[in-house]
Amino acid sequence: MTRWIRHRAAYSLVIPLALAAIASTGFDIVTADLRSEETSQWHKTYTLDANGRVEIGNVNGKITVEPGAGNTVDVLAIKKARGATPEAAKASLERATFAEEVSASLVKIETKIAKNEGVSFNTGNLNVEYRVKVPAGAEVKFTTVNGTIELNGLQGRVTAETTNGGVTARDISGPLDASTTNGGLEIDLAKVAEGGVKLECTNGGIEVRLPRDAKASITASISNGGIETGGLQLESTESSRRRLEAKLNGGGPRLQVEGVNGGIKLSGR
């Protein structure tokens, strides 16, 4: 009986140690299988009418946008893929293609990723990063599933949507609609445009900086977290830890901020 107990105790000790050893080396095994990396570029330029629209939809990767020259839209897509061998990585690159819908008034590009038979995660080892230049005043829409969106110096109407990643917008002077499910929003406004600003975030914080002399009607709400106003001189009609209704400098275009899990911070610049 004593011998059986000792044997069982030794066996019980071996199992956790074996599992720990597997866990500690498992990541190395996976990365060893994907040591080869290959990169390729897809580059296009387009001419857009003065009131034209640009749309880019991505699957797995970052989108960075800034103003370009004149009425030109410049799109650089960088594809990166990993594989067990250089040949496997190159083959994975070919799974990413680009669907174009182009006219004088619209430039629309969508990333298409073909399924990889026998692999459960079809996009895990394949990434597409966009670097885009657009006419500063163009209406634009950018979406990605896994990745961040960075916007700089845009003046037209902007829509930015990501599922897993944050949205960073700097020096924005046009109407803005930005949302993320898992990530944060970091928004710097050059002004509050007549078309207003709408920001939504499920999991992550929201930070907004706007000119102290801007006119805005502010609505902010958060389910789990608090609201800070960073010294802005507000005329509040409702103010609590989780909800704010206020006017900045007498009121103006709507600034609507909604969050679920995370804090909201409003401050002047």
C-alpha atoms as a PDB file:
ATOM      1  CA  MET A   1       0.000   0.000   0.000  1.00  0.00           C
ATOM      2  CA  THR A   2       2.777   2.419   0.929  1.00  0.00           C
ATOM      3  CA  ARG A   3       4.698   1.526  -2.226  1.00  0.00           C
ATOM      4  CA  TRP A   4       1.591   2.298  -4.398  1.00  0.00           C
ATOM      5  CA  ILE A   5       1.146   5.685  -2.718  1.00  0.00           C
ATOM      6  CA  ARG A   6       4.788   6.578  -3.352  1.00  0.00           C
ATOM      7  CA  HIS A   7       4.547   5.483  -6.956  1.00  0.00           C
ATOM      8  CA  ARG A   8       1.378   7.527  -7.439  1.00  0.00           C
ATOM      9  CA  ALA A   9       3.004  10.598  -5.876  1.00  0.00           C
ATOM     10  CA  ALA A  10       5.991  10.306  -8.186  1.00  0.00           C
ATOM     11  CA  TYR A  11       3.701   9.877 -11.194  1.00  0.00           C
ATOM     12  CA  SER A  12       1.683  12.933 -10.147  1.00  0.00           C
ATOM     13  CA  LEU A  13       4.873  14.963  -9.984  1.00  0.00           C
ATOM     14  CA  VAL A  14       6.060  13.862 -13.430  1.00  0.00           C
ATOM     15  CA  ILE A  15       2.871  14.927 -15.230  1.00  0.00           C
ATOM     16  CA  PRO A  16       2.938  18.634 -14.199  1.00  0.00           C
ATOM     17  CA  LEU A  17       6.662  18.801 -14.917  1.00  0.00           C
ATOM     18  CA  ALA A  18       6.132  17.319 -18.368  1.00  0.00           C
ATOM     19  CA  LEU A  19       3.284  19.726 -19.104  1.00  0.00           C
ATOM     20  CA  ALA A  20       5.369  22.653 -17.914  1.00  0.00           C
ATOM     21  CA  ALA A  21       8.217  21.592 -20.178  1.00  0.00           C
ATOM     22  CA  ILE A  22       5.883  21.374 -23.157  1.00  0.00           C
ATOM     23  CA  ALA A  23       4.349  24.762 -22.352  1.00  0.00           C
ATOM     24  CA  SER A  24       7.757  26.388 -21.992  1.00  0.00           C
ATOM     25  CA  THR A  25       8.971  25.066 -25.351  1.00  0.00           C
ATOM     26  CA  GLY A  26       5.696  25.135 -27.263  1.00  0.00           C
ATOM     27  CA  PHE A  27       6.068  28.733 -28.395  1.00  0.00           C
ATOM     28  CA  ASP A  28       9.591  28.041 -29.614  1.00  0.00           C
ATOM     29  CA  ILE A  29       8.324  25.073 -31.591  1.00  0.00           C
ATOM     30  CA  VAL A  30       5.652  27.198 -33.252  1.00  0.00           C
ATOM     31  CA  THR A  31       8.009  30.051 -34.074  1.00  0.00           C
ATOM     32  CA  ALA A  32      10.612  27.596 -35.331  1.00  0.00           C
ATOM     33  CA  ASP A  33       8.048  26.400 -37.867  1.00  0.00           C
ATOM     34  CA  LEU A  34       7.615  29.978 -39.146  1.00  0.00           C
ATOM     35  CA  ARG A  35      11.164  31.262 -39.199  1.00  0.00           C
ATOM     36  CA  SER A  36      11.163  32.334 -42.839  1.00  0.00           C
ATOM     37  CA  GLU A  37       9.635  35.726 -43.684  1.00  0.00           C
ATOM     38  CA  GLU A  38       8.944  37.133 -47.125  1.00  0.00           C
ATOM     39  CA  THR A  39       7.747  40.612 -48.111  1.00  0.00           C
ATOM     40  CA  SER A  40       6.264  42.115 -51.250  1.00  0.00           C
ATOM     41  CA  GLN A  41       4.727  45.464 -52.175  1.00  0.00           C
ATOM     42  CA  TRP A  42       1.652  46.515 -54.144  1.00  0.00           C
ATOM     43  CA  HIS A  43       1.684  50.177 -55.181  1.00  0.00           C
ATOM     44  CA  LYS A  44      -0.968  52.113 -57.086  1.00  0.00           C
ATOM     45  CA  THR A  45      -1.808  55.774 -57.728  1.00  0.00           C
ATOM     46  CA  TYR A  46      -5.174  57.182 -58.772  1.00  0.00           C
ATOM     47  CA  THR A  47      -6.682  60.542 -59.681  1.00  0.00           C
ATOM     48  CA  LEU A  48      -9.752  61.600 -57.703  1.00  0.00           C
ATOM     49  CA  ASP A  49     -12.368  64.272 -58.353  1.00  0.00           C
ATOM     50  CA  ALA A  50     -12.576  67.177 -55.903  1.00  0.00           C
ATOM     51  CA  ASN A  51     -15.600  65.649 -54.127  1.00  0.00           C
ATOM     52  CA  GLY A  52     -14.415  62.064 -54.448  1.00  0.00           C
ATOM     53  CA  ARG A  53     -14.353  59.277 -51.861  1.00  0.00           C
ATOM     54  CA  VAL A  54     -11.658  56.798 -50.817  1.00  0.00           C
ATOM     55  CA  GLU A  55     -12.443  53.467 -49.114  1.00  0.00           C
ATOM     56  CA  ILE A  56      -9.956  50.849 -47.957  1.00  0.00           C
ATOM     57  CA  GLY A  57     -10.878  47.619 -46.196  1.00  0.00           C
ATOM     58  CA  ASN A  58      -8.219  45.451 -44.592  1.00  0.00           C
ATOM     59  CA  VAL A  59      -8.272  42.123 -42.751  1.00  0.00           C
ATOM     60  CA  ASN A  60      -5.047  41.683 -40.819  1.00  0.00           C
ATOM     61  CA  GLY A  61      -2.844  44.751 -40.579  1.00  0.00           C
ATOM     62  CA  LYS A  62      -2.371  48.432 -39.930  1.00  0.00           C
ATOM     63  CA  ILE A  63      -3.623  51.402 -41.989  1.00  0.00           C
ATOM     64  CA  THR A  64      -1.765  54.726 -41.912  1.00  0.00           C
ATOM     65  CA  VAL A  65      -3.210  57.754 -43.717  1.00  0.00           C
ATOM     66  CA  GLU A  66      -1.915  61.268 -44.362  1.00  0.00           C
ATOM     67  CA  PRO A  67      -2.574  64.072 -46.863  1.00  0.00           C
ATOM     68  CA  GLY A  68      -1.019  63.765 -50.300  1.00  0.00           C
ATOM     69  CA  ALA A  69      -0.344  66.162 -53.139  1.00  0.00           C
ATOM     70  CA  GLY A  70      -3.179  67.621 -55.196  1.00  0.00           C
ATOM     71  CA  ASN A  71      -5.934  65.222 -56.248  1.00  0.00           C
ATOM     72  CA  THR A  72      -3.780  62.094 -56.190  1.00  0.00           C
ATOM     73  CA  VAL A  73      -4.508  58.989 -54.129  1.00  0.00           C
ATOM     74  CA  ASP A  74      -1.355  56.985 -53.408  1.00  0.00           C
ATOM     75  CA  VAL A  75      -1.725  53.480 -51.982  1.00  0.00           C
ATOM     76  CA  LEU A  76       1.184  51.335 -50.854  1.00  0.00           C
ATOM     77  CA  ALA A  77       0.304  47.892 -49.480  1.00  0.00           C
ATOM     78  CA  ILE A  78       3.103  45.902 -47.856  1.00  0.00           C
ATOM     79  CA  LYS A  79       2.469  42.186 -47.601  1.00  0.00           C
ATOM     80  CA  LYS A  80       4.411  40.163 -45.022  1.00  0.00           C
ATOM     81  CA  ALA A  81       4.137  36.409 -44.587  1.00  0.00           C
ATOM     82  CA  ARG A  82       5.884  33.790 -42.484  1.00  0.00           C
ATOM     83  CA  GLY A  83       6.411  30.125 -43.237  1.00  0.00           C
ATOM     84  CA  ALA A  84       8.485  27.075 -42.385  1.00  0.00           C
ATOM     85  CA  THR A  85      10.555  27.675 -45.535  1.00  0.00           C
ATOM     86  CA  PRO A  86      11.102  30.638 -47.884  1.00  0.00           C
ATOM     87  CA  GLU A  87       8.977  28.844 -50.448  1.00  0.00           C
ATOM     88  CA  ALA A  88       6.112  28.423 -47.968  1.00  0.00           C
ATOM     89  CA  ALA A  89       6.302  32.084 -46.977  1.00  0.00           C
ATOM     90  CA  LYS A  90       6.261  33.173 -50.638  1.00  0.00           C
ATOM     91  CA  ALA A  91       3.256  30.937 -51.278  1.00  0.00           C
ATOM     92  CA  SER A  92       1.468  32.526 -48.328  1.00  0.00           C
ATOM     93  CA  LEU A  93       2.076  35.993 -49.794  1.00  0.00           C
ATOM     94  CA  GLU A  94       0.116  34.996 -52.872  1.00  0.00           C
ATOM     95  CA  ARG A  95      -2.992  34.396 -50.752  1.00  0.00           C
ATOM     96  CA  ALA A  96      -3.408  38.164 -50.339  1.00  0.00           C
ATOM     97  CA  THR A  97      -4.865  39.998 -53.326  1.00  0.00           C
ATOM     98  CA  PHE A  98      -6.551  43.367 -53.820  1.00  0.00           C
ATOM     99  CA  ALA A  99      -9.993  44.051 -55.277  1.00  0.00           C
ATOM    100  CA  GLU A 100     -10.276  47.485 -56.888  1.00  0.00           C
ATOM    101  CA  GLU A 101     -13.327  49.566 -57.726  1.00  0.00           C
ATOM    102  CA  VAL A 102     -12.129  52.756 -59.341  1.00  0.00           C
ATOM    103  CA  SER A 103     -13.794  55.736 -61.006  1.00  0.00           C
ATOM    104  CA  ALA A 104     -13.237  59.479 -61.069  1.00  0.00           C
ATOM    105  CA  SER A 105     -15.354  59.841 -57.909  1.00  0.00           C
ATOM    106  CA  LEU A 106     -14.414  56.646 -56.025  1.00  0.00           C
ATOM    107  CA  VAL A 107     -11.284  54.695 -55.163  1.00  0.00           C
ATOM    108  CA  LYS A 108     -12.231  51.536 -53.278  1.00  0.00           C
ATOM    109  CA  ILE A 109      -9.724  48.823 -52.370  1.00  0.00           C
ATOM    110  CA  GLU A 110     -10.430  45.670 -50.393  1.00  0.00           C
ATOM    111  CA  THR A 111      -7.935  43.104 -49.159  1.00  0.00           C
ATOM    112  CA  LYS A 112      -8.856  39.545 -50.113  1.00  0.00           C
ATOM    113  CA  ILE A 113      -7.178  36.614 -48.355  1.00  0.00           C
ATOM    114  CA  ALA A 114      -7.688  33.148 -49.806  1.00  0.00           C
ATOM    115  CA  LYS A 115      -8.203  30.253 -47.422  1.00  0.00           C
ATOM    116  CA  ASN A 116      -5.208  28.099 -46.611  1.00  0.00           C
ATOM    117  CA  GLU A 117      -6.414  24.514 -46.663  1.00  0.00           C
ATOM    118  CA  GLY A 118      -5.572  22.562 -43.535  1.00  0.00           C
ATOM    119  CA  VAL A 119      -4.720  25.631 -41.446  1.00  0.00           C
ATOM    120  CA  SER A 120      -7.221  26.697 -38.793  1.00  0.00           C
ATOM    121  CA  PHE A 121      -6.033  30.315 -38.594  1.00  0.00           C
ATOM    122  CA  ASN A 122      -6.066  31.550 -42.151  1.00  0.00           C
ATOM    123  CA  THR A 123      -4.565  34.998 -41.546  1.00  0.00           C
ATOM    124  CA  GLY A 124      -2.255  34.409 -38.587  1.00  0.00           C
ATOM    125  CA  ASN A 125       0.973  34.316 -40.605  1.00  0.00           C
ATOM    126  CA  LEU A 126      -0.062  36.880 -43.240  1.00  0.00           C
ATOM    127  CA  ASN A 127      -0.178  40.625 -42.673  1.00  0.00           C
ATOM    128  CA  VAL A 128      -0.972  43.539 -44.993  1.00  0.00           C
ATOM    129  CA  GLU A 129       0.001  47.068 -43.978  1.00  0.00           C
ATOM    130  CA  TYR A 130      -1.395  50.040 -45.885  1.00  0.00           C
ATOM    131  CA  ARG A 131       0.343  53.399 -46.188  1.00  0.00           C
ATOM    132  CA  VAL A 132      -2.053  55.778 -47.881  1.00  0.00           C
ATOM    133  CA  LYS A 133      -1.947  59.378 -49.066  1.00  0.00           C
ATOM    134  CA  VAL A 134      -5.208  61.077 -50.019  1.00  0.00           C
ATOM    135  CA  PRO A 135      -6.329  64.583 -50.977  1.00  0.00           C
ATOM    136  CA  ALA A 136      -6.641  66.378 -47.631  1.00  0.00           C
ATOM    137  CA  GLY A 137     -10.303  67.247 -48.134  1.00  0.00           C
ATOM    138  CA  ALA A 138     -11.488  63.921 -49.559  1.00  0.00           C
ATOM    139  CA  GLU A 139     -14.207  61.872 -47.881  1.00  0.00           C
ATOM    140  CA  VAL A 140     -12.608  58.651 -46.628  1.00  0.00           C
ATOM    141  CA  LYS A 141     -13.491  55.373 -44.948  1.00  0.00           C
ATOM    142  CA  PHE A 142     -10.928  52.947 -43.533  1.00  0.00           C
ATOM    143  CA  THR A 143     -11.692  49.606 -41.890  1.00  0.00           C
ATOM    144  CA  THR A 144      -9.611  46.718 -40.591  1.00  0.00           C
ATOM    145  CA  VAL A 145     -10.331  43.651 -38.473  1.00  0.00           C
ATOM    146  CA  ASN A 146      -6.994  43.090 -36.747  1.00  0.00           C
ATOM    147  CA  GLY A 147      -4.851  46.203 -36.718  1.00  0.00           C
ATOM    148  CA  THR A 148      -4.596  49.850 -35.831  1.00  0.00           C
ATOM    149  CA  ILE A 149      -5.643  52.884 -37.854  1.00  0.00           C
ATOM    150  CA  GLU A 150      -3.586  56.077 -37.801  1.00  0.00           C
ATOM    151  CA  LEU A 151      -4.938  59.292 -39.354  1.00  0.00           C
ATOM    152  CA  ASN A 152      -2.983  62.512 -39.747  1.00  0.00           C
ATOM    153  CA  GLY A 153      -3.997  65.967 -40.948  1.00  0.00           C
ATOM    154  CA  LEU A 154      -7.240  65.067 -42.744  1.00  0.00           C
ATOM    155  CA  GLN A 155      -9.850  67.741 -43.453  1.00  0.00           C
ATOM    156  CA  GLY A 156     -12.710  65.849 -45.107  1.00  0.00           C
ATOM    157  CA  ARG A 157     -15.288  63.498 -43.611  1.00  0.00           C
ATOM    158  CA  VAL A 158     -13.545  60.512 -42.010  1.00  0.00           C
ATOM    159  CA  THR A 159     -14.882  57.099 -40.972  1.00  0.00           C
ATOM    160  CA  ALA A 160     -12.463  54.727 -39.208  1.00  0.00           C
ATOM    161  CA  GLU A 161     -13.477  51.307 -37.878  1.00  0.00           C
ATOM    162  CA  THR A 162     -11.387  48.510 -36.382  1.00  0.00           C
ATOM    163  CA  THR A 163     -12.290  45.417 -34.364  1.00  0.00           C
ATOM    164  CA  ASN A 164      -9.029  44.493 -32.645  1.00  0.00           C
ATOM    165  CA  GLY A 165      -6.835  47.583 -32.515  1.00  0.00           C
ATOM    166  CA  GLY A 166      -6.899  51.262 -31.716  1.00  0.00           C
ATOM    167  CA  VAL A 167      -7.596  54.418 -33.708  1.00  0.00           C
ATOM    168  CA  THR A 168      -5.221  57.364 -33.475  1.00  0.00           C
ATOM    169  CA  ALA A 169      -6.245  60.605 -35.189  1.00  0.00           C
ATOM    170  CA  ARG A 170      -4.099  63.742 -35.153  1.00  0.00           C
ATOM    171  CA  ASP A 171      -4.878  67.256 -36.386  1.00  0.00           C
ATOM    172  CA  ILE A 172      -8.324  66.314 -37.728  1.00  0.00           C
ATOM    173  CA  SER A 173     -10.537  69.192 -38.881  1.00  0.00           C
ATOM    174  CA  GLY A 174     -13.376  67.404 -40.680  1.00  0.00           C
ATOM    175  CA  PRO A 175     -16.341  65.368 -39.423  1.00  0.00           C
ATOM    176  CA  LEU A 176     -15.150  62.171 -37.759  1.00  0.00           C
ATOM    177  CA  ASP A 177     -16.774  58.824 -36.951  1.00  0.00           C
ATOM    178  CA  ALA A 178     -14.323  56.442 -35.249  1.00  0.00           C
ATOM    179  CA  SER A 179     -15.007  53.147 -33.495  1.00  0.00           C
ATOM    180  CA  THR A 180     -13.212  50.104 -32.108  1.00  0.00           C
ATOM    181  CA  THR A 181     -14.275  46.985 -30.224  1.00  0.00           C
ATOM    182  CA  ASN A 182     -10.998  46.023 -28.549  1.00  0.00           C
ATOM    183  CA  GLY A 183      -8.582  48.937 -28.417  1.00  0.00           C
ATOM    184  CA  GLY A 184      -8.523  52.605 -27.576  1.00  0.00           C
ATOM    185  CA  LEU A 185      -9.292  55.895 -29.287  1.00  0.00           C
ATOM    186  CA  GLU A 186      -6.750  58.728 -29.166  1.00  0.00           C
ATOM    187  CA  ILE A 187      -8.233  61.724 -30.982  1.00  0.00           C
ATOM    188  CA  ASP A 188      -6.674  65.144 -31.502  1.00  0.00           C
ATOM    189  CA  LEU A 189      -9.009  67.640 -33.186  1.00  0.00           C
ATOM    190  CA  ALA A 190      -7.849  70.780 -34.961  1.00  0.00           C
ATOM    191  CA  LYS A 191     -11.470  71.911 -34.733  1.00  0.00           C
ATOM    192  CA  VAL A 192     -14.946  70.499 -34.183  1.00  0.00           C
ATOM    193  CA  ALA A 193     -16.399  70.387 -37.693  1.00  0.00           C
ATOM    194  CA  GLU A 194     -20.002  71.243 -38.517  1.00  0.00           C
ATOM    195  CA  GLY A 195     -20.674  67.588 -39.275  1.00  0.00           C
ATOM    196  CA  GLY A 196     -19.744  66.676 -35.713  1.00  0.00           C
ATOM    197  CA  VAL A 197     -17.655  63.940 -34.119  1.00  0.00           C
ATOM    198  CA  LYS A 198     -18.825  60.489 -32.994  1.00  0.00           C
ATOM    199  CA  LEU A 199     -16.539  58.142 -31.053  1.00  0.00           C
ATOM    200  CA  GLU A 200     -17.358  54.639 -29.810  1.00  0.00           C
ATOM    201  CA  CYS A 201     -15.215  52.097 -27.951  1.00  0.00           C
ATOM    202  CA  THR A 202     -16.216  48.843 -26.252  1.00  0.00           C
ATOM    203  CA  ASN A 203     -13.010  47.804 -24.488  1.00  0.00           C
ATOM    204  CA  GLY A 204     -10.417  50.561 -24.060  1.00  0.00           C
ATOM    205  CA  GLY A 205      -9.992  54.176 -23.112  1.00  0.00           C
ATOM    206  CA  ILE A 206     -11.020  57.228 -25.110  1.00  0.00           C
ATOM    207  CA  GLU A 207      -8.941  60.416 -25.105  1.00  0.00           C
ATOM    208  CA  VAL A 208     -10.018  63.552 -26.958  1.00  0.00           C
ATOM    209  CA  ARG A 209      -8.094  66.806 -27.268  1.00  0.00           C
ATOM    210  CA  LEU A 210      -9.807  69.824 -28.832  1.00  0.00           C
ATOM    211  CA  PRO A 211      -9.095  73.560 -29.061  1.00  0.00           C
ATOM    212  CA  ARG A 212     -10.061  75.393 -25.897  1.00  0.00           C
ATOM    213  CA  ASP A 213     -11.869  78.034 -27.976  1.00  0.00           C
ATOM    214  CA  ALA A 214     -13.868  75.468 -29.982  1.00  0.00           C
ATOM    215  CA  LYS A 215     -17.652  75.510 -29.857  1.00  0.00           C
ATOM    216  CA  ALA A 216     -19.185  72.119 -29.171  1.00  0.00           C
ATOM    217  CA  SER A 217     -22.170  70.385 -27.619  1.00  0.00           C
ATOM    218  CA  ILE A 218     -20.756  67.405 -25.749  1.00  0.00           C
ATOM    219  CA  THR A 219     -22.426  64.136 -24.809  1.00  0.00           C
ATOM    220  CA  ALA A 220     -20.262  61.532 -23.095  1.00  0.00           C
ATOM    221  CA  SER A 221     -21.171  58.252 -21.413  1.00  0.00           C
ATOM    222  CA  ILE A 222     -19.259  55.272 -20.046  1.00  0.00           C
ATOM    223  CA  SER A 223     -20.580  52.054 -18.482  1.00  0.00           C
ATOM    224  CA  ASN A 224     -17.476  51.015 -16.527  1.00  0.00           C
ATOM    225  CA  GLY A 225     -15.030  53.837 -15.857  1.00  0.00           C
ATOM    226  CA  GLY A 226     -15.006  57.569 -15.292  1.00  0.00           C
ATOM    227  CA  ILE A 227     -15.117  60.832 -17.254  1.00  0.00           C
ATOM    228  CA  GLU A 228     -12.477  63.570 -16.928  1.00  0.00           C
ATOM    229  CA  THR A 229     -12.778  66.999 -18.524  1.00  0.00           C
ATOM    230  CA  GLY A 230      -9.171  68.175 -18.188  1.00  0.00           C
ATOM    231  CA  GLY A 231      -9.877  71.757 -17.164  1.00  0.00           C
ATOM    232  CA  LEU A 232     -12.226  72.618 -20.028  1.00  0.00           C
ATOM    233  CA  GLN A 233     -14.652  75.408 -19.187  1.00  0.00           C
ATOM    234  CA  LEU A 234     -17.950  73.616 -19.661  1.00  0.00           C
ATOM    235  CA  GLU A 235     -21.546  74.592 -19.033  1.00  0.00           C
ATOM    236  CA  SER A 236     -22.958  71.315 -17.761  1.00  0.00           C
ATOM    237  CA  THR A 237     -26.619  70.326 -17.793  1.00  0.00           C
ATOM    238  CA  GLU A 238     -25.773  66.831 -16.492  1.00  0.00           C
ATOM    239  CA  SER A 239     -22.514  65.762 -14.908  1.00  0.00           C
ATOM    240  CA  SER A 240     -21.686  62.545 -13.082  1.00  0.00           C
ATOM    241  CA  ARG A 241     -18.882  60.010 -12.981  1.00  0.00           C
ATOM    242  CA  ARG A 242     -20.328  58.134 -15.954  1.00  0.00           C
ATOM    243  CA  ARG A 243     -22.345  60.668 -17.923  1.00  0.00           C
ATOM    244  CA  LEU A 244     -21.821  64.208 -19.151  1.00  0.00           C
ATOM    245  CA  GLU A 245     -24.026  66.648 -21.043  1.00  0.00           C
ATOM    246  CA  ALA A 246     -22.325  69.998 -21.552  1.00  0.00           C
ATOM    247  CA  LYS A 247     -21.660  72.934 -23.841  1.00  0.00           C
ATOM    248  CA  LEU A 248     -18.216  74.260 -24.627  1.00  0.00           C
ATOM    249  CA  ASN A 249     -18.097  77.990 -25.366  1.00  0.00           C
ATOM    250  CA  GLY A 250     -21.859  78.210 -25.742  1.00  0.00           C
ATOM    251  CA  GLY A 251     -22.320  75.003 -27.710  1.00  0.00           C
ATOM    252  CA  GLY A 252     -21.927  74.045 -31.334  1.00  0.00           C
ATOM    253  CA  PRO A 253     -21.461  70.888 -33.423  1.00  0.00           C
ATOM    254  CA  ARG A 254     -22.084  67.606 -31.646  1.00  0.00           C
ATOM    255  CA  LEU A 255     -19.200  65.775 -29.950  1.00  0.00           C
ATOM    256  CA  GLN A 256     -20.563  62.374 -28.943  1.00  0.00           C
ATOM    257  CA  VAL A 257     -18.365  59.941 -26.987  1.00  0.00           C
ATOM    258  CA  GLU A 258     -19.570  56.498 -25.867  1.00  0.00           C
ATOM    259  CA  GLY A 259     -17.624  53.759 -24.090  1.00  0.00           C
ATOM    260  CA  VAL A 260     -18.335  50.526 -22.250  1.00  0.00           C
ATOM    261  CA  ASN A 261     -15.167  49.409 -20.457  1.00  0.00           C
ATOM    262  CA  GLY A 262     -12.574  52.139 -19.960  1.00  0.00           C
ATOM    263  CA  GLY A 263     -12.305  55.800 -19.124  1.00  0.00           C
ATOM    264  CA  ILE A 264     -13.082  58.947 -21.120  1.00  0.00           C
ATOM    265  CA  LYS A 265     -10.769  61.943 -20.977  1.00  0.00           C
ATOM    266  CA  LEU A 266     -11.569  65.292 -22.626  1.00  0.00           C
ATOM    267  CA  SER A 267      -8.937  68.029 -22.580  1.00  0.00           C
ATOM    268  CA  GLY A 268      -7.960  71.267 -24.290  1.00  0.00           C
ATOM    269  CA  ARG A 269      -5.064  71.861 -26.642  1.00  0.00           C
END
